[in-house]
């Protein structure tokens, strides 16, 4: 989906500098990444308001991932990350 957004000259220069750095292929990619980061900040704020830290979420994610890997591959299976 396409949208049109007007930006100031300074913002346009900033977008272009990100593209010219080679990290992004287009202005659109820079804008999409900025929106993703704003969403992440909003979600982190919501978690914080509920007394949940990012570290706690990460810890739970790691536990669940390990459990799922163990279920799928078994306790004795070695993974690439174990090397």
PDB file of N, CA and C in Angstrom:
ATOM      1  N   UNK A   1       0.843  -1.173   0.000  1.00  0.00           N
ATOM      2  CA  UNK A   1       0.000   0.000   0.000  1.00  0.00           C
ATOM      3  C   UNK A   1       0.891   1.240   0.000  1.00  0.00           C
ATOM      4  N   UNK A   2       0.564   2.175  -0.799  1.00  0.00           N
ATOM      5  CA  UNK A   2       1.345   3.412  -0.898  1.00  0.00           C
ATOM      6  C   UNK A   2       0.647   4.553  -0.183  1.00  0.00           C
ATOM      7  N   UNK A   3       1.447   5.406   0.446  1.00  0.00           N
ATOM      8  CA  UNK A   3       0.950   6.648   1.025  1.00  0.00           C
ATOM      9  C   UNK A   3       1.905   7.756   0.620  1.00  0.00           C
ATOM     10  N   UNK A   4       1.441   8.969   0.761  1.00  0.00           N
ATOM     11  CA  UNK A   4       2.278  10.118   0.459  1.00  0.00           C
ATOM     12  C   UNK A   4       2.444  10.926   1.743  1.00  0.00           C
ATOM     13  N   UNK A   5       3.685  11.283   2.051  1.00  0.00           N
ATOM     14  CA  UNK A   5       3.972  12.021   3.273  1.00  0.00           C
ATOM     15  C   UNK A   5       4.853  13.211   2.930  1.00  0.00           C
ATOM     16  N   UNK A   6       4.476  14.379   3.428  1.00  0.00           N
ATOM     17  CA  UNK A   6       5.310  15.559   3.234  1.00  0.00           C
ATOM     18  C   UNK A   6       6.260  15.683   4.419  1.00  0.00           C
ATOM     19  N   UNK A   7       7.532  15.934   4.127  1.00  0.00           N
ATOM     20  CA  UNK A   7       8.531  16.103   5.183  1.00  0.00           C
ATOM     21  C   UNK A   7       9.289  17.400   4.946  1.00  0.00           C
ATOM     22  N   UNK A   8       9.920  17.878   6.000  1.00  0.00           N
ATOM     23  CA  UNK A   8      10.728  19.090   5.876  1.00  0.00           C
ATOM     24  C   UNK A   8      12.017  18.764   5.128  1.00  0.00           C
ATOM     25  N   UNK A   9      12.704  19.786   4.699  1.00  0.00           N
ATOM     26  CA  UNK A   9      13.974  19.601   4.009  1.00  0.00           C
ATOM     27  C   UNK A   9      14.993  18.863   4.858  1.00  0.00           C
ATOM     28  N   UNK A  10      15.021  19.175   6.153  1.00  0.00           N
ATOM     29  CA  UNK A  10      15.959  18.498   7.053  1.00  0.00           C
ATOM     30  C   UNK A  10      15.656  17.010   7.178  1.00  0.00           C
ATOM     31  N   UNK A  11      14.370  16.669   7.260  1.00  0.00           N
ATOM     32  CA  UNK A  11      14.009  15.253   7.334  1.00  0.00           C
ATOM     33  C   UNK A  11      14.356  14.528   6.038  1.00  0.00           C
ATOM     34  N   UNK A  12      14.150  15.197   4.918  1.00  0.00           N
ATOM     35  CA  UNK A  12      14.491  14.596   3.629  1.00  0.00           C
ATOM     36  C   UNK A  12      15.999  14.339   3.541  1.00  0.00           C
ATOM     37  N   UNK A  13      16.789  15.304   3.999  1.00  0.00           N
ATOM     38  CA  UNK A  13      18.247  15.116   4.013  1.00  0.00           C
ATOM     39  C   UNK A  13      18.627  13.938   4.902  1.00  0.00           C
ATOM     40  N   UNK A  14      17.958  13.819   6.029  1.00  0.00           N
ATOM     41  CA  UNK A  14      18.233  12.714   6.944  1.00  0.00           C
ATOM     42  C   UNK A  14      17.902  11.372   6.289  1.00  0.00           C
ATOM     43  N   UNK A  15      16.728  11.293   5.666  1.00  0.00           N
ATOM     44  CA  UNK A  15      16.345  10.060   4.960  1.00  0.00           C
ATOM     45  C   UNK A  15      17.375   9.709   3.901  1.00  0.00           C
ATOM     46  N   UNK A  16      17.757  10.708   3.125  1.00  0.00           N
ATOM     47  CA  UNK A  16      18.736  10.476   2.056  1.00  0.00           C
ATOM     48  C   UNK A  16      20.090  10.042   2.613  1.00  0.00           C
ATOM     49  N   UNK A  17      20.478  10.599   3.757  1.00  0.00           N
ATOM     50  CA  UNK A  17      21.764  10.200   4.346  1.00  0.00           C
ATOM     51  C   UNK A  17      21.735   8.737   4.768  1.00  0.00           C
ATOM     52  N   UNK A  18      20.588   8.270   5.246  1.00  0.00           N
ATOM     53  CA  UNK A  18      20.455   6.861   5.622  1.00  0.00           C
ATOM     54  C   UNK A  18      20.548   5.961   4.389  1.00  0.00           C
ATOM     55  N   UNK A  19      19.946   6.393   3.298  1.00  0.00           N
ATOM     56  CA  UNK A  19      20.008   5.620   2.051  1.00  0.00           C
ATOM     57  C   UNK A  19      21.435   5.622   1.517  1.00  0.00           C
ATOM     58  N   UNK A  20      22.067   6.776   1.493  1.00  0.00           N
ATOM     59  CA  UNK A  20      23.435   6.886   0.963  1.00  0.00           C
ATOM     60  C   UNK A  20      24.454   6.131   1.818  1.00  0.00           C
ATOM     61  N   UNK A  21      24.116   5.896   3.081  1.00  0.00           N
ATOM     62  CA  UNK A  21      25.024   5.130   3.950  1.00  0.00           C
ATOM     63  C   UNK A  21      25.106   3.671   3.509  1.00  0.00           C
ATOM     64  N   UNK A  22      24.122   3.251   2.724  1.00  0.00           N
ATOM     65  CA  UNK A  22      24.099   1.876   2.243  1.00  0.00           C
ATOM     66  C   UNK A  22      23.339   0.925   3.148  1.00  0.00           C
ATOM     67  N   UNK A  23      22.916   1.389   4.300  1.00  0.00           N
ATOM     68  CA  UNK A  23      22.195   0.527   5.230  1.00  0.00           C
ATOM     69  C   UNK A  23      20.765   0.280   4.764  1.00  0.00           C
ATOM     70  N   UNK A  24      20.193   1.266   4.082  1.00  0.00           N
ATOM     71  CA  UNK A  24      18.841   1.147   3.539  1.00  0.00           C
ATOM     72  C   UNK A  24      18.889   1.323   2.035  1.00  0.00           C
ATOM     73  N   UNK A  25      17.960   0.672   1.339  1.00  0.00           N
ATOM     74  CA  UNK A  25      17.922   0.768  -0.121  1.00  0.00           C
ATOM     75  C   UNK A  25      17.062   1.927  -0.609  1.00  0.00           C
ATOM     76  N   UNK A  26      16.156   2.401   0.254  1.00  0.00           N
ATOM     77  CA  UNK A  26      15.251   3.465  -0.173  1.00  0.00           C
ATOM     78  C   UNK A  26      14.773   4.276   1.026  1.00  0.00           C
ATOM     79  N   UNK A  27      14.200   5.426   0.735  1.00  0.00           N
ATOM     80  CA  UNK A  27      13.610   6.248   1.792  1.00  0.00           C
ATOM     81  C   UNK A  27      12.496   5.478   2.484  1.00  0.00           C
ATOM     82  N   UNK A  28      11.734   4.726   1.692  1.00  0.00           N
ATOM     83  CA  UNK A  28      10.625   3.949   2.254  1.00  0.00           C
ATOM     84  C   UNK A  28      11.112   2.974   3.313  1.00  0.00           C
ATOM     85  N   UNK A  29      12.253   2.336   3.067  1.00  0.00           N
ATOM     86  CA  UNK A  29      12.796   1.406   4.054  1.00  0.00           C
ATOM     87  C   UNK A  29      13.141   2.123   5.355  1.00  0.00           C
ATOM     88  N   UNK A  30      13.675   3.323   5.249  1.00  0.00           N
ATOM     89  CA  UNK A  30      14.016   4.102   6.445  1.00  0.00           C
ATOM     90  C   UNK A  30      12.744   4.405   7.232  1.00  0.00           C
ATOM     91  N   UNK A  31      11.709   4.835   6.535  1.00  0.00           N
ATOM     92  CA  UNK A  31      10.443   5.180   7.191  1.00  0.00           C
ATOM     93  C   UNK A  31       9.820   3.943   7.831  1.00  0.00           C
ATOM     94  N   UNK A  32       9.814   2.811   7.108  1.00  0.00           N
ATOM     95  CA  UNK A  32       9.250   1.581   7.669  1.00  0.00           C
ATOM     96  C   UNK A  32       9.987   1.170   8.943  1.00  0.00           C
ATOM     97  N   UNK A  33      11.312   1.259   8.924  1.00  0.00           N
ATOM     98  CA  UNK A  33      12.092   0.898  10.112  1.00  0.00           C
ATOM     99  C   UNK A  33      11.770   1.835  11.268  1.00  0.00           C
ATOM    100  N   UNK A  34      11.639   3.111  10.983  1.00  0.00           N
ATOM    101  CA  UNK A  34      11.303   4.076  12.037  1.00  0.00           C
ATOM    102  C   UNK A  34       9.945   3.748  12.653  1.00  0.00           C
ATOM    103  N   UNK A  35       8.980   3.366  11.825  1.00  0.00           N
ATOM    104  CA  UNK A  35       7.653   3.004  12.333  1.00  0.00           C
ATOM    105  C   UNK A  35       7.740   1.736  13.178  1.00  0.00           C
ATOM    106  N   UNK A  36       8.498   0.739  12.711  1.00  0.00           N
ATOM    107  CA  UNK A  36       8.670  -0.489  13.502  1.00  0.00           C
ATOM    108  C   UNK A  36       9.267  -0.172  14.872  1.00  0.00           C
ATOM    109  N   UNK A  37      10.243   0.724  14.910  1.00  0.00           N
ATOM    110  CA  UNK A  37      10.868   1.085  16.184  1.00  0.00           C
ATOM    111  C   UNK A  37       9.900   1.837  17.091  1.00  0.00           C
ATOM    112  N   UNK A  38       9.039   2.673  16.512  1.00  0.00           N
ATOM    113  CA  UNK A  38       8.030   3.366  17.315  1.00  0.00           C
ATOM    114  C   UNK A  38       7.044   2.364  17.910  1.00  0.00           C
ATOM    115  N   UNK A  39       6.646   1.369  17.118  1.00  0.00           N
ATOM    116  CA  UNK A  39       5.743   0.326  17.617  1.00  0.00           C
ATOM    117  C   UNK A  39       6.402  -0.424  18.767  1.00  0.00           C
ATOM    118  N   UNK A  40       7.670  -0.767  18.594  1.00  0.00           N
ATOM    119  CA  UNK A  40       8.406  -1.484  19.640  1.00  0.00           C
ATOM    120  C   UNK A  40       8.470  -0.655  20.921  1.00  0.00           C
ATOM    121  N   UNK A  41       8.716   0.637  20.790  1.00  0.00           N
ATOM    122  CA  UNK A  41       8.757   1.515  21.962  1.00  0.00           C
ATOM    123  C   UNK A  41       7.394   1.583  22.642  1.00  0.00           C
ATOM    124  N   UNK A  42       6.330   1.679  21.837  1.00  0.00           N
ATOM    125  CA  UNK A  42       4.978   1.710  22.399  1.00  0.00           C
ATOM    126  C   UNK A  42       4.677   0.428  23.173  1.00  0.00           C
ATOM    127  N   UNK A  43       5.027  -0.712  22.581  1.00  0.00           N
ATOM    128  CA  UNK A  43       4.784  -1.994  23.250  1.00  0.00           C
ATOM    129  C   UNK A  43       5.603  -2.112  24.527  1.00  0.00           C
ATOM    130  N   UNK A  44       6.847  -1.654  24.479  1.00  0.00           N
ATOM    131  CA  UNK A  44       7.690  -1.680  25.678  1.00  0.00           C
ATOM    132  C   UNK A  44       7.080  -0.808  26.773  1.00  0.00           C
ATOM    133  N   UNK A  45       6.529   0.331  26.396  1.00  0.00           N
ATOM    134  CA  UNK A  45       5.869   1.206  27.362  1.00  0.00           C
ATOM    135  C   UNK A  45       4.643   0.555  27.976  1.00  0.00           C
ATOM    136  N   UNK A  46       3.882  -0.176  27.158  1.00  0.00           N
ATOM    137  CA  UNK A  46       2.709  -0.885  27.668  1.00  0.00           C
ATOM    138  C   UNK A  46       3.116  -1.978  28.655  1.00  0.00           C
ATOM    139  N   UNK A  47       4.190  -2.697  28.320  1.00  0.00           N
ATOM    140  CA  UNK A  47       4.682  -3.732  29.233  1.00  0.00           C
ATOM    141  C   UNK A  47       5.158  -3.111  30.543  1.00  0.00           C
ATOM    142  N   UNK A  48       5.896  -2.011  30.424  1.00  0.00           N
ATOM    143  CA  UNK A  48       6.411  -1.332  31.612  1.00  0.00           C
ATOM    144  C   UNK A  48       5.269  -0.874  32.513  1.00  0.00           C
ATOM    145  N   UNK A  49       4.195  -0.374  31.901  1.00  0.00           N
ATOM    146  CA  UNK A  49       3.037   0.076  32.674  1.00  0.00           C
ATOM    147  C   UNK A  49       2.403  -1.080  33.446  1.00  0.00           C
ATOM    148  N   UNK A  50       2.572  -2.293  32.938  1.00  0.00           N
ATOM    149  CA  UNK A  50       2.043  -3.485  33.608  1.00  0.00           C
ATOM    150  C   UNK A  50       3.072  -4.121  34.536  1.00  0.00           C
ATOM    151  N   UNK A  51       4.241  -3.491  34.649  1.00  0.00           N
ATOM    152  CA  UNK A  51       5.278  -4.004  35.529  1.00  0.00           C
ATOM    153  C   UNK A  51       6.075  -5.155  34.948  1.00  0.00           C
ATOM    154  N   UNK A  52       6.055  -5.296  33.624  1.00  0.00           N
ATOM    155  CA  UNK A  52       6.781  -6.368  32.947  1.00  0.00           C
ATOM    156  C   UNK A  52       7.970  -5.751  32.223  1.00  0.00           C
ATOM    157  N   UNK A  53       9.151  -6.327  32.422  1.00  0.00           N
ATOM    158  CA  UNK A  53      10.343  -5.797  31.764  1.00  0.00           C
ATOM    159  C   UNK A  53      10.639  -6.562  30.477  1.00  0.00           C
ATOM    160  N   UNK A  54      11.384  -5.928  29.597  1.00  0.00           N
ATOM    161  CA  UNK A  54      11.819  -6.575  28.357  1.00  0.00           C
ATOM    162  C   UNK A  54      12.676  -7.796  28.689  1.00  0.00           C
ATOM    163  N   UNK A  55      13.501  -7.693  29.723  1.00  0.00           N
ATOM    164  CA  UNK A  55      14.342  -8.829  30.125  1.00  0.00           C
ATOM    165  C   UNK A  55      13.494 -10.031  30.526  1.00  0.00           C
ATOM    166  N   UNK A  56      12.378  -9.778  31.209  1.00  0.00           N
ATOM    167  CA  UNK A  56      11.485 -10.878  31.587  1.00  0.00           C
ATOM    168  C   UNK A  56      10.874 -11.535  30.356  1.00  0.00           C
ATOM    169  N   UNK A  57      10.451 -10.723  29.406  1.00  0.00           N
ATOM    170  CA  UNK A  57       9.877 -11.252  28.164  1.00  0.00           C
ATOM    171  C   UNK A  57      10.922 -12.078  27.426  1.00  0.00           C
ATOM    172  N   UNK A  58      12.138 -11.575  27.343  1.00  0.00           N
ATOM    173  CA  UNK A  58      13.220 -12.283  26.652  1.00  0.00           C
ATOM    174  C   UNK A  58      13.521 -13.607  27.343  1.00  0.00           C
ATOM    175  N   UNK A  59      13.515 -13.608  28.653  1.00  0.00           N
ATOM    176  CA  UNK A  59      13.768 -14.832  29.412  1.00  0.00           C
ATOM    177  C   UNK A  59      12.700 -15.883  29.127  1.00  0.00           C
ATOM    178  N   UNK A  60      11.450 -15.467  29.122  1.00  0.00           N
ATOM    179  CA  UNK A  60      10.351 -16.390  28.817  1.00  0.00           C
ATOM    180  C   UNK A  60      10.470 -16.894  27.387  1.00  0.00           C
ATOM    181  N   UNK A  61      10.804 -16.010  26.462  1.00  0.00           N
ATOM    182  CA  UNK A  61      10.957 -16.413  25.062  1.00  0.00           C
ATOM    183  C   UNK A  61      12.040 -17.475  24.928  1.00  0.00           C
ATOM    184  N   UNK A  62      13.159 -17.274  25.609  1.00  0.00           N
ATOM    185  CA  UNK A  62      14.250 -18.242  25.552  1.00  0.00           C
ATOM    186  C   UNK A  62      13.835 -19.589  26.134  1.00  0.00           C
ATOM    187  N   UNK A  63      13.098 -19.561  27.257  1.00  0.00           N
ATOM    188  CA  UNK A  63      12.628 -20.806  27.869  1.00  0.00           C
ATOM    189  C   UNK A  63      11.683 -21.560  26.936  1.00  0.00           C
ATOM    190  N   UNK A  64      10.738 -20.834  26.348  1.00  0.00           N
ATOM    191  CA  UNK A  64       9.775 -21.460  25.443  1.00  0.00           C
ATOM    192  C   UNK A  64      10.485 -22.004  24.210  1.00  0.00           C
ATOM    193  N   UNK A  65      11.412 -21.242  23.666  1.00  0.00           N
ATOM    194  CA  UNK A  65      12.167 -21.706  22.494  1.00  0.00           C
ATOM    195  C   UNK A  65      12.929 -22.985  22.810  1.00  0.00           C
ATOM    196  N   UNK A  66      13.595 -23.017  23.953  1.00  0.00           N
ATOM    197  CA  UNK A  66      14.355 -24.207  24.346  1.00  0.00           C
ATOM    198  C   UNK A  66      13.434 -25.406  24.506  1.00  0.00           C
ATOM    199  N   UNK A  67      12.276 -25.179  25.099  1.00  0.00           N
ATOM    200  CA  UNK A  67      11.313 -26.269  25.281  1.00  0.00           C
ATOM    201  C   UNK A  67      10.811 -26.794  23.937  1.00  0.00           C
ATOM    202  N   UNK A  68      10.501 -25.901  23.025  1.00  0.00           N
ATOM    203  CA  UNK A  68      10.023 -26.320  21.706  1.00  0.00           C
ATOM    204  C   UNK A  68      11.101 -27.078  20.935  1.00  0.00           C
ATOM    205  N   UNK A  69      12.336 -26.623  21.028  1.00  0.00           N
ATOM    206  CA  UNK A  69      13.445 -27.312  20.357  1.00  0.00           C
ATOM    207  C   UNK A  69      13.624 -28.703  20.957  1.00  0.00           C
ATOM    208  N   UNK A  70      13.539 -28.787  22.274  1.00  0.00           N
ATOM    209  CA  UNK A  70      13.681 -30.085  22.932  1.00  0.00           C
ATOM    210  C   UNK A  70      12.564 -31.034  22.506  1.00  0.00           C
ATOM    211  N   UNK A  71      11.331 -30.527  22.431  1.00  0.00           N
ATOM    212  CA  UNK A  71      10.208 -31.361  21.989  1.00  0.00           C
ATOM    213  C   UNK A  71      10.416 -31.870  20.571  1.00  0.00           C
ATOM    214  N   UNK A  72      10.896 -30.988  19.716  1.00  0.00           N
ATOM    215  CA  UNK A  72      11.039 -31.353  18.309  1.00  0.00           C
ATOM    216  C   UNK A  72      12.225 -32.280  18.077  1.00  0.00           C
ATOM    217  N   UNK A  73      13.341 -32.009  18.715  1.00  0.00           N
ATOM    218  CA  UNK A  73      14.573 -32.732  18.412  1.00  0.00           C
ATOM    219  C   UNK A  73      15.024 -33.694  19.512  1.00  0.00           C
ATOM    220  N   UNK A  74      14.437 -33.609  20.673  1.00  0.00           N
ATOM    221  CA  UNK A  74      14.846 -34.484  21.764  1.00  0.00           C
ATOM    222  C   UNK A  74      15.987 -33.905  22.573  1.00  0.00           C
ATOM    223  N   UNK A  75      16.168 -34.454  23.748  1.00  0.00           N
ATOM    224  CA  UNK A  75      17.177 -33.935  24.684  1.00  0.00           C
ATOM    225  C   UNK A  75      18.598 -34.130  24.191  1.00  0.00           C
ATOM    226  N   UNK A  76      18.851 -35.222  23.486  1.00  0.00           N
ATOM    227  CA  UNK A  76      20.222 -35.567  23.115  1.00  0.00           C
ATOM    228  C   UNK A  76      20.674 -34.971  21.796  1.00  0.00           C
ATOM    229  N   UNK A  77      19.789 -34.321  21.091  1.00  0.00           N
ATOM    230  CA  UNK A  77      20.152 -33.757  19.787  1.00  0.00           C
ATOM    231  C   UNK A  77      20.962 -32.492  19.998  1.00  0.00           C
ATOM    232  N   UNK A  78      22.059 -32.352  19.299  1.00  0.00           N
ATOM    233  CA  UNK A  78      22.913 -31.173  19.382  1.00  0.00           C
ATOM    234  C   UNK A  78      22.551 -30.220  18.251  1.00  0.00           C
ATOM    235  N   UNK A  79      22.513 -28.924  18.534  1.00  0.00           N
ATOM    236  CA  UNK A  79      22.155 -27.921  17.538  1.00  0.00           C
ATOM    237  C   UNK A  79      23.384 -27.150  17.106  1.00  0.00           C
ATOM    238  N   UNK A  80      23.267 -26.507  15.964  1.00  0.00           N
ATOM    239  CA  UNK A  80      24.371 -25.710  15.427  1.00  0.00           C
ATOM    240  C   UNK A  80      24.882 -24.702  16.450  1.00  0.00           C
ATOM    241  N   UNK A  81      23.972 -24.106  17.214  1.00  0.00           N
ATOM    242  CA  UNK A  81      24.374 -23.085  18.188  1.00  0.00           C
ATOM    243  C   UNK A  81      25.152 -23.685  19.354  1.00  0.00           C
ATOM    244  N   UNK A  82      25.094 -25.015  19.514  1.00  0.00           N
ATOM    245  CA  UNK A  82      25.815 -25.680  20.596  1.00  0.00           C
ATOM    246  C   UNK A  82      27.280 -25.923  20.267  1.00  0.00           C
ATOM    247  N   UNK A  83      27.672 -25.775  19.008  1.00  0.00           N
ATOM    248  CA  UNK A  83      29.053 -26.065  18.592  1.00  0.00           C
ATOM    249  C   UNK A  83      30.015 -25.016  19.071  1.00  0.00           C
TER     250      UNK A  83
END
